Amino acid sequence: MKLEEFVKESLLQIISGVKEANESIEAKDASVNPVSMGKAQVHERTYLSIPVQNIEFDVAVSVSEGAKAGGGLTVMGMGVKGGVSETSSTVSRIRFQVPIALPRGKS
């Protein structure tokens, strides 16, 4: 699996999981990632406070070069399988964070 696909699918599944968790516990008067209310200094209006959270990734990736491998950056363990011949690869680790505002639960 290419790194971009892995990141995209991971983020989509995290968002779906939070949303589904909120839907499942709504009747139990609980909330995942609840809405918080805050007072703004200007005009004393109340605004929703939407915190941004960082999703951290620590991924081992492989760069392959070869006729059958097709090249590219792939997530380790999810790359090309099967008969790869005359292929050289380099394994590296990438750590990064993606800021995200997750779906809100009730206040």
Protein backbone atom coordinates (compact mmCIF):
# COMPACT_ATOMS: atom_id res chain seq x y z
CA MET A 1 0.00 0.00 0.00
CA LYS A 2 1.38 3.41 -0.86
CA LEU A 3 2.04 5.78 2.02
CA GLU A 4 -0.56 8.30 0.84
CA GLU A 5 -3.24 5.58 0.75
CA PHE A 6 -2.24 4.38 4.24
CA VAL A 7 -2.46 7.90 5.73
CA LYS A 8 -5.76 8.62 4.00
CA GLU A 9 -7.38 5.34 5.06
CA SER A 10 -6.06 5.66 8.63
CA LEU A 11 -7.52 9.17 9.02
CA LEU A 12 -10.85 8.17 7.47
CA GLN A 13 -11.16 5.18 9.78
CA ILE A 14 -10.30 7.27 12.87
CA ILE A 15 -12.95 9.85 11.91
CA SER A 16 -15.54 7.11 11.22
CA GLY A 17 -14.69 5.38 14.50
CA VAL A 18 -15.19 8.56 16.54
CA LYS A 19 -18.48 9.30 14.77
CA GLU A 20 -19.77 5.75 15.22
CA ALA A 21 -18.71 5.72 18.89
CA ASN A 22 -20.70 8.90 19.52
CA GLU A 23 -23.76 7.43 17.79
CA SER A 24 -23.47 4.24 19.87
CA ILE A 25 -23.22 5.97 23.25
CA GLU A 26 -25.66 8.84 22.64
CA ALA A 27 -28.43 7.12 24.62
CA LYS A 28 -26.05 6.58 27.56
CA ASP A 29 -25.57 10.34 28.06
CA ALA A 30 -21.88 10.14 27.19
CA SER A 31 -19.78 11.72 24.47
CA VAL A 32 -16.49 11.14 22.67
CA ASN A 33 -14.67 14.41 21.84
CA PRO A 34 -17.41 16.60 23.40
CA VAL A 35 -18.16 20.17 22.38
CA SER A 36 -16.79 22.67 24.87
CA MET A 37 -18.15 26.17 25.27
CA GLY A 38 -15.91 29.13 25.91
CA LYS A 39 -16.44 32.83 26.53
CA ALA A 40 -14.85 35.18 24.03
CA GLN A 41 -13.48 38.49 25.30
CA VAL A 42 -14.98 40.45 22.42
CA HIS A 43 -18.66 41.39 22.95
CA GLU A 44 -19.05 38.62 25.57
CA ARG A 45 -20.40 36.18 22.99
CA THR A 46 -20.19 32.43 23.45
CA TYR A 47 -18.40 30.47 20.74
CA LEU A 48 -17.80 26.78 20.25
CA SER A 49 -14.26 25.77 20.99
CA ILE A 50 -13.07 23.20 18.46
CA PRO A 51 -9.75 21.72 19.57
CA VAL A 52 -7.37 20.46 16.96
CA GLN A 53 -5.69 17.18 17.83
CA ASN A 54 -2.59 15.65 16.30
CA ILE A 55 -2.77 12.16 14.88
CA GLU A 56 0.75 10.78 15.14
CA PHE A 57 2.20 8.42 12.57
CA ASP A 58 5.40 6.40 12.97
CA VAL A 59 5.68 4.37 9.79
CA ALA A 60 8.33 2.08 8.33
CA VAL A 61 8.48 2.62 4.58
CA SER A 62 10.32 0.93 1.77
CA VAL A 63 11.58 2.42 -1.48
CA SER A 64 11.89 -0.29 -4.12
CA GLU A 65 13.48 -0.13 -7.50
CA GLY A 66 13.15 -2.94 -9.99
CA ALA A 67 11.40 -4.13 -13.09
CA LYS A 68 8.59 -6.07 -11.38
CA ALA A 69 8.28 -3.98 -8.21
CA GLY A 70 7.27 -0.84 -10.08
CA GLY A 71 9.11 1.45 -7.66
CA GLY A 72 7.58 3.90 -5.23
CA LEU A 73 7.23 4.50 -1.51
CA THR A 74 5.23 1.79 0.27
CA VAL A 75 4.30 1.05 3.87
CA MET A 76 6.25 -1.97 5.16
CA GLY A 77 4.29 -5.19 5.28
CA MET A 78 1.73 -3.81 2.84
CA GLY A 79 3.82 -3.44 -0.28
CA VAL A 80 4.20 -5.57 -3.36
CA LYS A 81 3.93 -9.31 -2.74
CA GLY A 82 4.95 -12.16 -4.95
CA GLY A 83 7.81 -12.77 -7.32
CA VAL A 84 9.96 -9.69 -7.19
CA SER A 85 13.22 -10.22 -8.98
CA GLU A 86 16.30 -8.04 -9.28
CA THR A 87 14.93 -5.52 -6.83
CA SER A 88 16.83 -3.29 -4.45
CA SER A 89 15.06 -1.58 -1.58
CA THR A 90 15.80 0.81 1.24
CA VAL A 91 13.82 0.81 4.50
CA SER A 92 13.31 4.05 6.42
CA ARG A 93 11.15 5.29 9.26
CA ILE A 94 8.99 8.37 8.91
CA ARG A 95 7.42 10.12 11.89
CA PHE A 96 4.91 12.92 11.40
CA GLN A 97 1.72 14.41 12.80
CA VAL A 98 -1.48 15.42 11.06
CA PRO A 99 -3.62 18.05 12.82
CA ILE A 100 -7.32 17.19 12.72
CA ALA A 101 -10.59 18.41 14.22
CA LEU A 102 -12.45 15.19 15.00
CA PRO A 103 -16.26 14.87 14.78
CA ARG A 104 -17.88 16.49 17.80
CA GLY A 105 -20.09 14.77 20.33
CA LYS A 106 -22.84 16.56 22.19
CA SER A 107 -22.00 19.18 24.80
